[in-house]
Each structure stands twice: as structure tokens, then as C-alpha cells.
N, C-alpha and C. Protein backbone atom coordinates (compact mmCIF):
# COMPACT_ATOMS: atom_id res chain seq x y z
N MET A 1 136.92 59.46 96.95
CA MET A 1 135.52 59.40 96.55
C MET A 1 135.02 60.84 96.33
N ALA A 2 134.36 61.05 95.22
CA ALA A 2 133.80 62.37 94.93
C ALA A 2 132.55 62.58 95.78
N LYS A 3 132.32 63.84 96.12
CA LYS A 3 131.12 64.17 96.89
C LYS A 3 129.88 64.04 96.01
N VAL A 4 128.79 63.68 96.64
CA VAL A 4 127.48 63.73 96.00
C VAL A 4 126.94 65.13 96.26
N ASN A 5 126.53 65.79 95.19
CA ASN A 5 126.02 67.16 95.31
C ASN A 5 124.51 67.17 95.21
N VAL A 6 123.87 67.79 96.19
CA VAL A 6 122.42 67.88 96.26
C VAL A 6 122.03 69.35 96.22
N LYS A 7 121.14 69.71 95.28
CA LYS A 7 120.63 71.08 95.19
C LYS A 7 119.12 71.04 95.36
N ILE A 8 118.64 71.80 96.32
CA ILE A 8 117.20 71.89 96.57
C ILE A 8 116.71 73.20 95.96
N CYS A 9 115.74 73.12 95.07
CA CYS A 9 115.17 74.33 94.49
C CYS A 9 114.31 75.03 95.53
N MET A 10 114.58 76.31 95.73
CA MET A 10 113.82 77.11 96.68
C MET A 10 113.05 78.22 95.96
N GLY A 11 112.89 78.07 94.63
CA GLY A 11 112.11 79.03 93.87
C GLY A 11 110.67 79.03 94.36
N THR A 12 109.92 80.03 93.96
CA THR A 12 108.56 80.22 94.48
C THR A 12 107.69 78.98 94.29
N THR A 13 107.65 78.44 93.08
CA THR A 13 106.79 77.28 92.83
C THR A 13 107.20 76.10 93.69
N CYS A 14 108.49 75.79 93.70
CA CYS A 14 108.96 74.66 94.50
C CYS A 14 108.74 74.88 95.99
N PHE A 15 108.98 76.10 96.44
CA PHE A 15 108.80 76.41 97.86
C PHE A 15 107.35 76.18 98.27
N VAL A 16 106.42 76.70 97.45
CA VAL A 16 105.00 76.55 97.75
C VAL A 16 104.56 75.08 97.66
N MET A 17 105.18 74.34 96.75
CA MET A 17 104.78 72.94 96.53
C MET A 17 105.49 71.97 97.48
N GLY A 18 106.35 72.47 98.38
CA GLY A 18 106.88 71.59 99.40
C GLY A 18 108.36 71.61 99.67
N SER A 19 109.16 72.38 98.92
CA SER A 19 110.59 72.35 99.20
C SER A 19 110.92 72.95 100.56
N SER A 20 110.02 73.77 101.09
CA SER A 20 110.25 74.31 102.43
C SER A 20 110.32 73.19 103.46
N GLN A 21 109.62 72.08 103.20
CA GLN A 21 109.63 70.94 104.11
C GLN A 21 110.89 70.09 103.94
N LEU A 22 111.65 70.34 102.87
CA LEU A 22 112.87 69.58 102.63
C LEU A 22 114.06 70.14 103.40
N HIS A 23 113.85 71.22 104.13
CA HIS A 23 114.93 71.83 104.91
C HIS A 23 115.53 70.84 105.91
N ASP A 24 114.72 69.91 106.39
CA ASP A 24 115.22 68.90 107.34
C ASP A 24 116.31 68.03 106.73
N LEU A 25 116.40 68.02 105.40
CA LEU A 25 117.45 67.23 104.74
C LEU A 25 118.84 67.66 105.17
N VAL A 26 119.02 68.92 105.45
CA VAL A 26 120.35 69.41 105.83
C VAL A 26 120.86 68.65 107.05
N ASP A 27 120.06 68.58 108.09
CA ASP A 27 120.47 67.86 109.30
C ASP A 27 120.59 66.37 109.06
N ILE A 28 119.63 65.80 108.36
CA ILE A 28 119.64 64.36 108.10
C ILE A 28 120.88 63.96 107.31
N VAL A 29 121.15 64.70 106.23
CA VAL A 29 122.29 64.40 105.37
C VAL A 29 123.60 64.55 106.13
N ASN A 30 123.73 65.62 106.90
CA ASN A 30 124.97 65.82 107.66
C ASN A 30 125.21 64.68 108.65
N LYS A 31 124.17 64.23 109.33
CA LYS A 31 124.32 63.14 110.31
C LYS A 31 124.56 61.80 109.64
N LYS A 32 123.85 61.54 108.54
CA LYS A 32 123.92 60.22 107.91
C LYS A 32 125.16 60.04 107.02
N TYR A 33 125.55 61.10 106.30
CA TYR A 33 126.61 60.95 105.29
C TYR A 33 127.87 61.77 105.58
N GLY A 34 127.79 62.70 106.50
CA GLY A 34 128.95 63.53 106.80
C GLY A 34 129.41 64.32 105.59
N GLU A 35 130.70 64.30 105.35
CA GLU A 35 131.27 65.11 104.28
C GLU A 35 131.18 64.45 102.91
N ASP A 36 130.56 63.28 102.81
CA ASP A 36 130.42 62.62 101.50
C ASP A 36 129.36 63.28 100.63
N VAL A 37 128.51 64.10 101.25
CA VAL A 37 127.41 64.74 100.53
C VAL A 37 127.41 66.24 100.83
N ALA A 38 127.34 67.04 99.77
CA ALA A 38 127.22 68.49 99.91
C ALA A 38 125.80 68.88 99.52
N ILE A 39 125.12 69.61 100.40
CA ILE A 39 123.74 69.99 100.14
C ILE A 39 123.63 71.51 100.15
N THR A 40 122.98 72.04 99.11
CA THR A 40 122.80 73.48 98.98
C THR A 40 121.39 73.79 98.50
N GLY A 41 121.01 75.03 98.67
CA GLY A 41 119.75 75.51 98.12
C GLY A 41 120.04 76.31 96.87
N SER A 42 119.05 76.42 96.02
CA SER A 42 119.18 77.19 94.80
C SER A 42 117.96 78.10 94.68
N THR A 43 118.18 79.33 94.24
CA THR A 43 117.05 80.24 94.10
C THR A 43 116.05 79.73 93.09
N CYS A 44 116.50 79.02 92.07
CA CYS A 44 115.60 78.38 91.12
C CYS A 44 116.42 77.47 90.22
N LEU A 45 115.97 76.25 90.02
CA LEU A 45 116.64 75.32 89.11
C LEU A 45 116.04 75.37 87.71
N ASN A 46 114.95 76.10 87.53
CA ASN A 46 114.29 76.31 86.24
C ASN A 46 113.65 75.07 85.63
N TYR A 47 113.43 74.03 86.38
CA TYR A 47 112.80 72.84 85.82
C TYR A 47 111.31 73.02 85.60
N CYS A 48 110.66 73.83 86.41
CA CYS A 48 109.23 74.04 86.21
C CYS A 48 108.98 74.87 84.96
N THR A 49 109.90 75.77 84.61
CA THR A 49 109.72 76.56 83.40
C THR A 49 110.09 75.77 82.16
N ASP A 50 111.03 74.84 82.30
CA ASP A 50 111.43 74.02 81.16
C ASP A 50 110.34 73.03 80.76
N THR A 51 109.64 72.50 81.73
CA THR A 51 108.68 71.44 81.46
C THR A 51 107.24 71.92 81.50
N SER A 52 107.02 73.09 82.06
CA SER A 52 105.66 73.61 82.26
C SER A 52 104.79 72.65 83.05
N GLU A 53 105.41 71.83 83.87
CA GLU A 53 104.68 70.87 84.70
C GLU A 53 104.82 71.29 86.16
N TYR A 54 104.14 72.35 86.51
CA TYR A 54 104.25 72.86 87.88
C TYR A 54 103.85 71.81 88.91
N SER A 55 103.01 70.87 88.51
CA SER A 55 102.57 69.86 89.46
C SER A 55 103.69 68.90 89.84
N LYS A 56 104.82 68.95 89.16
CA LYS A 56 105.94 68.06 89.47
C LYS A 56 106.90 68.65 90.49
N ALA A 57 106.65 69.88 90.93
CA ALA A 57 107.49 70.51 91.95
C ALA A 57 107.18 69.88 93.30
N PRO A 58 108.09 69.89 94.23
CA PRO A 58 109.40 70.53 94.21
C PRO A 58 110.45 69.66 93.52
N TYR A 59 111.47 70.34 93.02
CA TYR A 59 112.56 69.67 92.33
C TYR A 59 113.82 69.69 93.19
N VAL A 60 114.54 68.57 93.14
CA VAL A 60 115.84 68.46 93.79
C VAL A 60 116.76 67.78 92.79
N LYS A 61 117.98 68.25 92.71
CA LYS A 61 118.96 67.65 91.81
C LYS A 61 120.03 66.96 92.65
N VAL A 62 120.22 65.67 92.41
CA VAL A 62 121.26 64.89 93.08
C VAL A 62 122.26 64.51 92.01
N ASN A 63 123.44 65.10 92.07
CA ASN A 63 124.42 65.03 90.99
C ASN A 63 123.72 65.43 89.69
N ASP A 64 123.56 64.53 88.74
CA ASP A 64 122.92 64.88 87.47
C ASP A 64 121.48 64.39 87.38
N ILE A 65 120.96 63.81 88.44
CA ILE A 65 119.61 63.26 88.45
C ILE A 65 118.64 64.29 89.03
N VAL A 66 117.58 64.57 88.27
CA VAL A 66 116.55 65.50 88.73
C VAL A 66 115.41 64.69 89.33
N ILE A 67 115.05 65.01 90.56
CA ILE A 67 113.96 64.33 91.24
C ILE A 67 112.75 65.26 91.21
N GLN A 68 111.67 64.77 90.62
CA GLN A 68 110.41 65.51 90.59
C GLN A 68 109.58 65.10 91.80
N GLU A 69 108.72 66.02 92.24
CA GLU A 69 107.89 65.75 93.42
C GLU A 69 108.75 65.20 94.55
N ALA A 70 109.84 65.90 94.81
CA ALA A 70 110.85 65.44 95.76
C ALA A 70 110.31 65.35 97.18
N THR A 71 110.72 64.28 97.83
CA THR A 71 110.46 64.08 99.25
C THR A 71 111.80 63.74 99.90
N ILE A 72 111.83 63.80 101.20
CA ILE A 72 113.06 63.43 101.90
C ILE A 72 113.46 62.00 101.56
N ASP A 73 112.50 61.08 101.55
CA ASP A 73 112.81 59.68 101.24
C ASP A 73 113.36 59.50 99.83
N LYS A 74 112.75 60.17 98.85
CA LYS A 74 113.23 60.06 97.46
C LYS A 74 114.66 60.57 97.33
N VAL A 75 114.95 61.67 98.00
CA VAL A 75 116.29 62.25 97.92
C VAL A 75 117.31 61.33 98.58
N LEU A 76 116.99 60.81 99.74
CA LEU A 76 117.91 59.90 100.44
C LEU A 76 118.15 58.63 99.63
N GLN A 77 117.14 58.12 98.97
CA GLN A 77 117.31 56.92 98.13
C GLN A 77 118.27 57.21 96.97
N GLU A 78 118.13 58.38 96.37
CA GLU A 78 119.02 58.72 95.25
C GLU A 78 120.45 58.95 95.73
N ILE A 79 120.62 59.56 96.90
CA ILE A 79 121.96 59.73 97.46
C ILE A 79 122.59 58.37 97.70
N ASP A 80 121.84 57.44 98.27
CA ASP A 80 122.36 56.08 98.51
C ASP A 80 122.80 55.43 97.20
N LYS A 81 122.00 55.58 96.14
CA LYS A 81 122.36 55.01 94.83
C LYS A 81 123.68 55.60 94.33
N CYS A 82 123.80 56.90 94.42
CA CYS A 82 125.01 57.58 93.95
C CYS A 82 126.24 57.12 94.73
N LEU A 83 126.12 57.01 96.03
CA LEU A 83 127.25 56.58 96.85
C LEU A 83 127.64 55.14 96.56
N LYS A 84 126.66 54.27 96.31
CA LYS A 84 126.95 52.87 95.96
C LYS A 84 127.67 52.79 94.62
N GLN A 85 127.26 53.62 93.66
CA GLN A 85 127.92 53.62 92.34
C GLN A 85 129.35 54.10 92.43
N GLN A 86 129.62 55.02 93.34
CA GLN A 86 130.96 55.56 93.50
C GLN A 86 131.86 54.63 94.31
N GLY A 87 131.23 53.86 95.20
CA GLY A 87 131.99 53.08 96.16
C GLY A 87 132.53 51.82 95.61
């Protein structure tokens, strides 16, 4: 099974808009999924500059899916979807 890759944008806009609160994902993901999911931070994913929709931050990318206005629950739901598709 391929790993699900999660990238949390930590750029200024995303950080101010809430990605700092997504740090808890690291512990949650490690406990819930173990090595099936790799989670990293990114200095900037550039989605706010591509769309000019700063109100949609913070951004998180789960494999190829971009989550706008990301929350812990939204990210976990997308990880579950990805794992079910792979399984």
C-alpha cells in the first residue's frame, strides 16, 4: 500500500489563518494511521497566490487533493477516503 502524503502549508497567510492549529495533526495522524500516512509542513504551497482567495486559507494537500479552509476533521476525512481507495 502506498503512503498517503499530507502537506500542511505553513506560509504566512495560512499560518495566520489557522494552520498553526493544525500542528496537532502530527500526533493524531501518527497514532491513528502509523506509517500509512506521511505528514510534513511546507513553507508555502502557493495556493493563496494562485487563486487570490486568501479567505480560503489554510491549505492542506492530501495526495493530490487540496483542502481549502482546512481543519483537523477535514484532513482526517480526506486521509480516510484515500486509504479506502487504496485498500
